[in-house]
Amino acid sequence: MKLINLTPHPVRIYVGDQAVVDQRPDGPMARCAETRQDAGTVTVDGHEIPVSVVGFGAVTGLPDPQPGVLYVVSRATAEAVPDRDDVVYPDGQ
């Protein structure tokens, strides 16, 4: 399996104390736009505070699936394409 890192950060995978993968970013980042909708206001200590509903928008920079390839992206980007089983995100340290 080949990893393609579409994040701006190196990705390191460890087995025990040894890094077995040290993947630098492979090019432009895959990104997910955010959408925001006004959800009114709430009053806190006499102050009106605006509230928004934030969701996922369009994903850009994510190549089409390729056999034997996993794309490493941000969590927000991965969650915006739940139908893609070739998209993963780092979790934990």
PDB file of N, CA and C in Angstrom:
ATOM      1  N   MET A   1       0.852  -1.173   0.000  1.00  0.00           N
ATOM      2  CA  MET A   1       0.000   0.000   0.000  1.00  0.00           C
ATOM      3  C   MET A   1       0.895   1.233   0.000  1.00  0.00           C
ATOM      4  N   LYS A   2       0.546   2.203  -0.806  1.00  0.00           N
ATOM      5  CA  LYS A   2       1.291   3.458  -0.880  1.00  0.00           C
ATOM      6  C   LYS A   2       0.496   4.559  -0.187  1.00  0.00           C
ATOM      7  N   LEU A   3       1.184   5.380   0.628  1.00  0.00           N
ATOM      8  CA  LEU A   3       0.559   6.541   1.254  1.00  0.00           C
ATOM      9  C   LEU A   3       0.928   7.787   0.470  1.00  0.00           C
ATOM     10  N   ILE A   4      -0.055   8.649   0.236  1.00  0.00           N
ATOM     11  CA  ILE A   4       0.187   9.967  -0.323  1.00  0.00           C
ATOM     12  C   ILE A   4      -0.315  10.968   0.705  1.00  0.00           C
ATOM     13  N   ASN A   5       0.610  11.768   1.220  1.00  0.00           N
ATOM     14  CA  ASN A   5       0.330  12.704   2.295  1.00  0.00           C
ATOM     15  C   ASN A   5      -0.136  14.037   1.701  1.00  0.00           C
ATOM     16  N   LEU A   6      -1.422  14.343   1.840  1.00  0.00           N
ATOM     17  CA  LEU A   6      -1.991  15.587   1.334  1.00  0.00           C
ATOM     18  C   LEU A   6      -2.284  16.562   2.463  1.00  0.00           C
ATOM     19  N   THR A   7      -1.502  16.470   3.559  1.00  0.00           N
ATOM     20  CA  THR A   7      -1.565  17.419   4.665  1.00  0.00           C
ATOM     21  C   THR A   7      -0.314  18.296   4.591  1.00  0.00           C
ATOM     22  N   PRO A   8      -0.266  19.401   5.349  1.00  0.00           N
ATOM     23  CA  PRO A   8       0.944  20.226   5.341  1.00  0.00           C
ATOM     24  C   PRO A   8       2.024  19.743   6.321  1.00  0.00           C
ATOM     25  N   HIS A   9       1.776  18.621   6.987  1.00  0.00           N
ATOM     26  CA  HIS A   9       2.674  18.144   8.045  1.00  0.00           C
ATOM     27  C   HIS A   9       3.249  16.777   7.699  1.00  0.00           C
ATOM     28  N   PRO A  10       4.447  16.478   8.201  1.00  0.00           N
ATOM     29  CA  PRO A  10       4.956  15.114   8.051  1.00  0.00           C
ATOM     30  C   PRO A  10       4.057  14.139   8.817  1.00  0.00           C
ATOM     31  N   VAL A  11       3.940  12.943   8.312  1.00  0.00           N
ATOM     32  CA  VAL A  11       3.179  11.887   8.980  1.00  0.00           C
ATOM     33  C   VAL A  11       4.161  10.776   9.322  1.00  0.00           C
ATOM     34  N   ARG A  12       4.214  10.464  10.603  1.00  0.00           N
ATOM     35  CA  ARG A  12       5.095   9.388  11.058  1.00  0.00           C
ATOM     36  C   ARG A  12       4.250   8.298  11.697  1.00  0.00           C
ATOM     37  N   ILE A  13       4.532   7.077  11.314  1.00  0.00           N
ATOM     38  CA  ILE A  13       3.832   5.922  11.886  1.00  0.00           C
ATOM     39  C   ILE A  13       4.869   5.096  12.635  1.00  0.00           C
ATOM     40  N   TYR A  14       4.539   4.800  13.885  1.00  0.00           N
ATOM     41  CA  TYR A  14       5.462   4.082  14.754  1.00  0.00           C
ATOM     42  C   TYR A  14       4.944   2.682  15.050  1.00  0.00           C
ATOM     43  N   VAL A  15       5.877   1.754  15.144  1.00  0.00           N
ATOM     44  CA  VAL A  15       5.632   0.440  15.714  1.00  0.00           C
ATOM     45  C   VAL A  15       6.545   0.373  16.921  1.00  0.00           C
ATOM     46  N   GLY A  16       5.929   0.408  18.099  1.00  0.00           N
ATOM     47  CA  GLY A  16       6.728   0.544  19.318  1.00  0.00           C
ATOM     48  C   GLY A  16       7.386   1.908  19.319  1.00  0.00           C
ATOM     49  N   ASP A  17       8.704   1.935  19.508  1.00  0.00           N
ATOM     50  CA  ASP A  17       9.450   3.193  19.523  1.00  0.00           C
ATOM     51  C   ASP A  17      10.079   3.522  18.174  1.00  0.00           C
ATOM     52  N   GLN A  18       9.865   2.686  17.184  1.00  0.00           N
ATOM     53  CA  GLN A  18      10.541   2.870  15.901  1.00  0.00           C
ATOM     54  C   GLN A  18       9.585   3.425  14.843  1.00  0.00           C
ATOM     55  N   ALA A  19       9.995   4.524  14.187  1.00  0.00           N
ATOM     56  CA  ALA A  19       9.213   5.081  13.078  1.00  0.00           C
ATOM     57  C   ALA A  19       9.401   4.181  11.862  1.00  0.00           C
ATOM     58  N   VAL A  20       8.319   3.608  11.388  1.00  0.00           N
ATOM     59  CA  VAL A  20       8.390   2.732  10.216  1.00  0.00           C
ATOM     60  C   VAL A  20       7.936   3.457   8.953  1.00  0.00           C
ATOM     61  N   VAL A  21       7.265   4.589   9.115  1.00  0.00           N
ATOM     62  CA  VAL A  21       6.883   5.445   7.996  1.00  0.00           C
ATOM     63  C   VAL A  21       7.195   6.878   8.400  1.00  0.00           C
ATOM     64  N   ASP A  22       7.849   7.615   7.527  1.00  0.00           N
ATOM     65  CA  ASP A  22       8.118   9.040   7.733  1.00  0.00           C
ATOM     66  C   ASP A  22       7.781   9.722   6.409  1.00  0.00           C
ATOM     67  N   GLN A  23       6.542  10.110   6.274  1.00  0.00           N
ATOM     68  CA  GLN A  23       6.023  10.602   5.001  1.00  0.00           C
ATOM     69  C   GLN A  23       5.899  12.121   5.018  1.00  0.00           C
ATOM     70  N   ARG A  24       6.705  12.785   4.236  1.00  0.00           N
ATOM     71  CA  ARG A  24       6.614  14.233   4.076  1.00  0.00           C
ATOM     72  C   ARG A  24       5.396  14.565   3.211  1.00  0.00           C
ATOM     73  N   PRO A  25       4.924  15.810   3.258  1.00  0.00           N
ATOM     74  CA  PRO A  25       3.818  16.189   2.371  1.00  0.00           C
ATOM     75  C   PRO A  25       4.181  15.927   0.907  1.00  0.00           C
ATOM     76  N   ASP A  26       3.217  15.429   0.158  1.00  0.00           N
ATOM     77  CA  ASP A  26       3.455  15.028  -1.232  1.00  0.00           C
ATOM     78  C   ASP A  26       2.977  16.038  -2.265  1.00  0.00           C
ATOM     79  N   GLY A  27       2.566  17.183  -1.853  1.00  0.00           N
ATOM     80  CA  GLY A  27       2.117  18.154  -2.845  1.00  0.00           C
ATOM     81  C   GLY A  27       1.045  19.038  -2.263  1.00  0.00           C
ATOM     82  N   PRO A  28       0.225  19.610  -3.126  1.00  0.00           N
ATOM     83  CA  PRO A  28      -0.839  20.491  -2.624  1.00  0.00           C
ATOM     84  C   PRO A  28      -1.745  19.752  -1.647  1.00  0.00           C
ATOM     85  N   MET A  29      -2.221  20.487  -0.652  1.00  0.00           N
ATOM     86  CA  MET A  29      -3.092  19.895   0.366  1.00  0.00           C
ATOM     87  C   MET A  29      -4.480  19.630  -0.204  1.00  0.00           C
ATOM     88  N   ALA A  30      -5.089  18.568   0.279  1.00  0.00           N
ATOM     89  CA  ALA A  30      -6.521  18.362   0.074  1.00  0.00           C
ATOM     90  C   ALA A  30      -7.218  19.149   1.173  1.00  0.00           C
ATOM     91  N   ARG A  31      -8.221  19.913   0.800  1.00  0.00           N
ATOM     92  CA  ARG A  31      -8.885  20.771   1.773  1.00  0.00           C
ATOM     93  C   ARG A  31     -10.398  20.611   1.680  1.00  0.00           C
ATOM     94  N   CYS A  32     -11.030  20.959   2.778  1.00  0.00           N
ATOM     95  CA  CYS A  32     -12.485  20.947   2.855  1.00  0.00           C
ATOM     96  C   CYS A  32     -12.942  22.346   3.249  1.00  0.00           C
ATOM     97  N   ALA A  33     -13.772  22.937   2.429  1.00  0.00           N
ATOM     98  CA  ALA A  33     -14.321  24.245   2.766  1.00  0.00           C
ATOM     99  C   ALA A  33     -15.338  24.075   3.892  1.00  0.00           C
ATOM    100  N   GLU A  34     -15.500  25.116   4.683  1.00  0.00           N
ATOM    101  CA  GLU A  34     -16.525  25.110   5.723  1.00  0.00           C
ATOM    102  C   GLU A  34     -17.706  25.943   5.254  1.00  0.00           C
ATOM    103  N   THR A  35     -18.881  25.505   5.632  1.00  0.00           N
ATOM    104  CA  THR A  35     -20.079  26.300   5.397  1.00  0.00           C
ATOM    105  C   THR A  35     -20.556  26.818   6.743  1.00  0.00           C
ATOM    106  N   ARG A  36     -21.114  28.004   6.744  1.00  0.00           N
ATOM    107  CA  ARG A  36     -21.633  28.591   7.984  1.00  0.00           C
ATOM    108  C   ARG A  36     -23.025  29.131   7.719  1.00  0.00           C
ATOM    109  N   GLN A  37     -23.929  28.799   8.628  1.00  0.00           N
ATOM    110  CA  GLN A  37     -25.291  29.312   8.554  1.00  0.00           C
ATOM    111  C   GLN A  37     -25.614  30.014   9.863  1.00  0.00           C
ATOM    112  N   ASP A  38     -26.238  31.161   9.758  1.00  0.00           N
ATOM    113  CA  ASP A  38     -26.667  31.908  10.926  1.00  0.00           C
ATOM    114  C   ASP A  38     -27.734  31.099  11.652  1.00  0.00           C
ATOM    115  N   ALA A  39     -27.557  30.914  12.945  1.00  0.00           N
ATOM    116  CA  ALA A  39     -28.527  30.171  13.756  1.00  0.00           C
ATOM    117  C   ALA A  39     -29.119  31.062  14.841  1.00  0.00           C
ATOM    118  N   GLY A  40     -29.059  32.373  14.622  1.00  0.00           N
ATOM    119  CA  GLY A  40     -29.645  33.289  15.588  1.00  0.00           C
ATOM    120  C   GLY A  40     -28.644  33.699  16.650  1.00  0.00           C
ATOM    121  N   THR A  41     -29.174  34.002  17.829  1.00  0.00           N
ATOM    122  CA  THR A  41     -28.335  34.451  18.934  1.00  0.00           C
ATOM    123  C   THR A  41     -28.774  33.790  20.227  1.00  0.00           C
ATOM    124  N   VAL A  42     -27.885  33.814  21.192  1.00  0.00           N
ATOM    125  CA  VAL A  42     -28.212  33.422  22.563  1.00  0.00           C
ATOM    126  C   VAL A  42     -27.823  34.596  23.456  1.00  0.00           C
ATOM    127  N   THR A  43     -28.503  34.724  24.563  1.00  0.00           N
ATOM    128  CA  THR A  43     -28.198  35.791  25.497  1.00  0.00           C
ATOM    129  C   THR A  43     -27.400  35.220  26.657  1.00  0.00           C
ATOM    130  N   VAL A  44     -26.223  35.783  26.881  1.00  0.00           N
ATOM    131  CA  VAL A  44     -25.346  35.353  27.967  1.00  0.00           C
ATOM    132  C   VAL A  44     -25.001  36.597  28.780  1.00  0.00           C
ATOM    133  N   ASP A  45     -25.402  36.591  30.045  1.00  0.00           N
ATOM    134  CA  ASP A  45     -25.134  37.720  30.942  1.00  0.00           C
ATOM    135  C   ASP A  45     -25.563  39.052  30.319  1.00  0.00           C
ATOM    136  N   GLY A  46     -26.693  39.033  29.640  1.00  0.00           N
ATOM    137  CA  GLY A  46     -27.230  40.247  29.046  1.00  0.00           C
ATOM    138  C   GLY A  46     -26.638  40.626  27.701  1.00  0.00           C
ATOM    139  N   HIS A  47     -25.763  39.792  27.154  1.00  0.00           N
ATOM    140  CA  HIS A  47     -25.137  40.076  25.862  1.00  0.00           C
ATOM    141  C   HIS A  47     -25.663  39.105  24.807  1.00  0.00           C
ATOM    142  N   GLU A  48     -26.018  39.636  23.653  1.00  0.00           N
ATOM    143  CA  GLU A  48     -26.453  38.795  22.527  1.00  0.00           C
ATOM    144  C   GLU A  48     -25.209  38.235  21.828  1.00  0.00           C
ATOM    145  N   ILE A  49     -25.108  36.918  21.775  1.00  0.00           N
ATOM    146  CA  ILE A  49     -23.967  36.233  21.163  1.00  0.00           C
ATOM    147  C   ILE A  49     -24.468  35.525  19.903  1.00  0.00           C
ATOM    148  N   PRO A  50     -23.873  35.818  18.732  1.00  0.00           N
ATOM    149  CA  PRO A  50     -24.298  35.132  17.512  1.00  0.00           C
ATOM    150  C   PRO A  50     -23.900  33.654  17.542  1.00  0.00           C
ATOM    151  N   VAL A  51     -24.748  32.817  16.975  1.00  0.00           N
ATOM    152  CA  VAL A  51     -24.510  31.379  16.900  1.00  0.00           C
ATOM    153  C   VAL A  51     -24.569  30.966  15.432  1.00  0.00           C
ATOM    154  N   SER A  52     -23.626  30.110  15.028  1.00  0.00           N
ATOM    155  CA  SER A  52     -23.590  29.606  13.656  1.00  0.00           C
ATOM    156  C   SER A  52     -23.614  28.086  13.667  1.00  0.00           C
ATOM    157  N   VAL A  53     -24.154  27.516  12.607  1.00  0.00           N
ATOM    158  CA  VAL A  53     -24.061  26.081  12.359  1.00  0.00           C
ATOM    159  C   VAL A  53     -22.963  25.916  11.311  1.00  0.00           C
ATOM    160  N   VAL A  54     -21.918  25.171  11.655  1.00  0.00           N
ATOM    161  CA  VAL A  54     -20.786  24.985  10.756  1.00  0.00           C
ATOM    162  C   VAL A  54     -20.868  23.581  10.170  1.00  0.00           C
ATOM    163  N   GLY A  55     -20.692  23.484   8.868  1.00  0.00           N
ATOM    164  CA  GLY A  55     -20.729  22.193   8.191  1.00  0.00           C
ATOM    165  C   GLY A  55     -19.597  22.092   7.189  1.00  0.00           C
ATOM    166  N   PHE A  56     -19.586  21.004   6.460  1.00  0.00           N
ATOM    167  CA  PHE A  56     -18.560  20.758   5.459  1.00  0.00           C
ATOM    168  C   PHE A  56     -19.032  21.232   4.099  1.00  0.00           C
ATOM    169  N   GLY A  57     -18.110  21.835   3.351  1.00  0.00           N
ATOM    170  CA  GLY A  57     -18.390  22.246   1.988  1.00  0.00           C
ATOM    171  C   GLY A  57     -17.646  21.355   1.010  1.00  0.00           C
ATOM    172  N   ALA A  58     -17.296  21.932  -0.103  1.00  0.00           N
ATOM    173  CA  ALA A  58     -16.635  21.184  -1.176  1.00  0.00           C
ATOM    174  C   ALA A  58     -15.203  20.805  -0.786  1.00  0.00           C
ATOM    175  N   VAL A  59     -14.774  19.637  -1.249  1.00  0.00           N
ATOM    176  CA  VAL A  59     -13.402  19.172  -1.055  1.00  0.00           C
ATOM    177  C   VAL A  59     -12.624  19.483  -2.330  1.00  0.00           C
ATOM    178  N   THR A  60     -11.437  20.054  -2.157  1.00  0.00           N
ATOM    179  CA  THR A  60     -10.561  20.331  -3.293  1.00  0.00           C
ATOM    180  C   THR A  60      -9.208  19.680  -3.060  1.00  0.00           C
ATOM    181  N   GLY A  61      -8.519  19.386  -4.143  1.00  0.00           N
ATOM    182  CA  GLY A  61      -7.163  18.845  -4.050  1.00  0.00           C
ATOM    183  C   GLY A  61      -7.074  17.367  -3.756  1.00  0.00           C
ATOM    184  N   LEU A  62      -8.193  16.658  -3.789  1.00  0.00           N
ATOM    185  CA  LEU A  62      -8.194  15.217  -3.525  1.00  0.00           C
ATOM    186  C   LEU A  62      -8.263  14.468  -4.856  1.00  0.00           C
ATOM    187  N   PRO A  63      -7.207  13.744  -5.205  1.00  0.00           N
ATOM    188  CA  PRO A  63      -7.204  13.011  -6.469  1.00  0.00           C
ATOM    189  C   PRO A  63      -8.258  11.894  -6.491  1.00  0.00           C
ATOM    190  N   ASP A  64      -8.562  11.427  -7.665  1.00  0.00           N
ATOM    191  CA  ASP A  64      -9.445  10.272  -7.820  1.00  0.00           C
ATOM    192  C   ASP A  64      -8.787   9.037  -7.205  1.00  0.00           C
ATOM    193  N   PRO A  65      -9.593   8.068  -6.783  1.00  0.00           N
ATOM    194  CA  PRO A  65      -9.028   6.835  -6.217  1.00  0.00           C
ATOM    195  C   PRO A  65      -8.086   6.144  -7.204  1.00  0.00           C
ATOM    196  N   GLN A  66      -7.037   5.541  -6.646  1.00  0.00           N
ATOM    197  CA  GLN A  66      -6.095   4.732  -7.419  1.00  0.00           C
ATOM    198  C   GLN A  66      -5.881   3.419  -6.674  1.00  0.00           C
ATOM    199  N   PRO A  67      -5.798   2.312  -7.372  1.00  0.00           N
ATOM    200  CA  PRO A  67      -5.566   1.034  -6.706  1.00  0.00           C
ATOM    201  C   PRO A  67      -4.273   1.064  -5.892  1.00  0.00           C
ATOM    202  N   GLY A  68      -4.337   0.569  -4.653  1.00  0.00           N
ATOM    203  CA  GLY A  68      -3.158   0.453  -3.809  1.00  0.00           C
ATOM    204  C   GLY A  68      -2.671   1.752  -3.194  1.00  0.00           C
ATOM    205  N   VAL A  69      -3.513   2.808  -3.211  1.00  0.00           N
ATOM    206  CA  VAL A  69      -3.103   4.109  -2.677  1.00  0.00           C
ATOM    207  C   VAL A  69      -4.061   4.549  -1.581  1.00  0.00           C
ATOM    208  N   LEU A  70      -3.493   5.010  -0.455  1.00  0.00           N
ATOM    209  CA  LEU A  70      -4.262   5.663   0.608  1.00  0.00           C
ATOM    210  C   LEU A  70      -3.842   7.128   0.653  1.00  0.00           C
ATOM    211  N   TYR A  71      -4.818   8.015   0.694  1.00  0.00           N
ATOM    212  CA  TYR A  71      -4.560   9.447   0.801  1.00  0.00           C
ATOM    213  C   TYR A  71      -4.708   9.869   2.253  1.00  0.00           C
ATOM    214  N   VAL A  72      -3.667  10.491   2.803  1.00  0.00           N
ATOM    215  CA  VAL A  72      -3.698  11.004   4.168  1.00  0.00           C
ATOM    216  C   VAL A  72      -4.108  12.473   4.091  1.00  0.00           C
ATOM    217  N   VAL A  73      -5.229  12.806   4.748  1.00  0.00           N
ATOM    218  CA  VAL A  73      -5.784  14.156   4.711  1.00  0.00           C
ATOM    219  C   VAL A  73      -6.154  14.573   6.132  1.00  0.00           C
ATOM    220  N   SER A  74      -6.655  15.786   6.285  1.00  0.00           N
ATOM    221  CA  SER A  74      -7.139  16.221   7.596  1.00  0.00           C
ATOM    222  C   SER A  74      -8.416  15.462   7.941  1.00  0.00           C
ATOM    223  N   ARG A  75      -8.748  15.456   9.211  1.00  0.00           N
ATOM    224  CA  ARG A  75      -9.975  14.772   9.645  1.00  0.00           C
ATOM    225  C   ARG A  75     -11.213  15.394   9.001  1.00  0.00           C
ATOM    226  N   ALA A  76     -11.267  16.732   8.955  1.00  0.00           N
ATOM    227  CA  ALA A  76     -12.425  17.404   8.355  1.00  0.00           C
ATOM    228  C   ALA A  76     -12.592  17.006   6.893  1.00  0.00           C
ATOM    229  N   THR A  77     -11.481  16.920   6.173  1.00  0.00           N
ATOM    230  CA  THR A  77     -11.550  16.527   4.763  1.00  0.00           C
ATOM    231  C   THR A  77     -12.023  15.086   4.635  1.00  0.00           C
ATOM    232  N   ALA A  78     -11.484  14.196   5.463  1.00  0.00           N
ATOM    233  CA  ALA A  78     -11.896  12.790   5.411  1.00  0.00           C
ATOM    234  C   ALA A  78     -13.383  12.638   5.731  1.00  0.00           C
ATOM    235  N   GLU A  79     -13.865  13.370   6.723  1.00  0.00           N
ATOM    236  CA  GLU A  79     -15.275  13.251   7.100  1.00  0.00           C
ATOM    237  C   GLU A  79     -16.201  13.850   6.045  1.00  0.00           C
ATOM    238  N   ALA A  80     -15.674  14.716   5.193  1.00  0.00           N
ATOM    239  CA  ALA A  80     -16.491  15.313   4.135  1.00  0.00           C
ATOM    240  C   ALA A  80     -16.664  14.385   2.942  1.00  0.00           C
ATOM    241  N   VAL A  81     -15.897  13.292   2.894  1.00  0.00           N
ATOM    242  CA  VAL A  81     -16.015  12.317   1.796  1.00  0.00           C
ATOM    243  C   VAL A  81     -16.210  10.914   2.372  1.00  0.00           C
ATOM    244  N   PRO A  82     -17.329  10.680   3.082  1.00  0.00           N
ATOM    245  CA  PRO A  82     -17.522   9.394   3.761  1.00  0.00           C
ATOM    246  C   PRO A  82     -17.636   8.205   2.816  1.00  0.00           C
ATOM    247  N   ASP A  83     -17.863   8.454   1.538  1.00  0.00           N
ATOM    248  CA  ASP A  83     -17.974   7.370   0.563  1.00  0.00           C
ATOM    249  C   ASP A  83     -16.617   6.884   0.054  1.00  0.00           C
ATOM    250  N   ARG A  84     -15.535   7.567   0.434  1.00  0.00           N
ATOM    251  CA  ARG A  84     -14.195   7.200  -0.044  1.00  0.00           C
ATOM    252  C   ARG A  84     -13.506   6.312   0.992  1.00  0.00           C
ATOM    253  N   ASP A  85     -13.194   5.065   0.619  1.00  0.00           N
ATOM    254  CA  ASP A  85     -12.489   4.173   1.545  1.00  0.00           C
ATOM    255  C   ASP A  85     -10.976   4.234   1.357  1.00  0.00           C
ATOM    256  N   ASP A  86     -10.516   5.145   0.501  1.00  0.00           N
ATOM    257  CA  ASP A  86      -9.082   5.324   0.269  1.00  0.00           C
ATOM    258  C   ASP A  86      -8.555   6.590   0.936  1.00  0.00           C
ATOM    259  N   VAL A  87      -9.354   7.200   1.813  1.00  0.00           N
ATOM    260  CA  VAL A  87      -8.990   8.452   2.478  1.00  0.00           C
ATOM    261  C   VAL A  87      -8.916   8.188   3.982  1.00  0.00           C
ATOM    262  N   VAL A  88      -7.756   8.541   4.573  1.00  0.00           N
ATOM    263  CA  VAL A  88      -7.538   8.330   6.006  1.00  0.00           C
ATOM    264  C   VAL A  88      -6.989   9.615   6.613  1.00  0.00           C
ATOM    265  N   TYR A  89      -7.026   9.704   7.943  1.00  0.00           N
ATOM    266  CA  TYR A  89      -6.448  10.863   8.633  1.00  0.00           C
ATOM    267  C   TYR A  89      -5.666  10.385   9.841  1.00  0.00           C
ATOM    268  N   PRO A  90      -4.651  11.180  10.253  1.00  0.00           N
ATOM    269  CA  PRO A  90      -3.874  10.811  11.437  1.00  0.00           C
ATOM    270  C   PRO A  90      -4.749  10.860  12.693  1.00  0.00           C
ATOM    271  N   ASP A  91      -4.481   9.957  13.612  1.00  0.00           N
ATOM    272  CA  ASP A  91      -5.221   9.910  14.865  1.00  0.00           C
ATOM    273  C   ASP A  91      -4.255   9.525  15.971  1.00  0.00           C
ATOM    274  N   GLY A  92      -4.142  10.393  16.951  1.00  0.00           N
ATOM    275  CA  GLY A  92      -3.256  10.100  18.080  1.00  0.00           C
ATOM    276  C   GLY A  92      -1.824  10.448  17.768  1.00  0.00           C
ATOM    277  N   GLN A  93      -1.001  10.162  18.729  1.00  0.00           N
ATOM    278  CA  GLN A  93       0.437  10.435  18.550  1.00  0.00           C
ATOM    279  C   GLN A  93       1.201   9.164  18.533  1.00  0.00           C
TER     280      GLN A  93
END
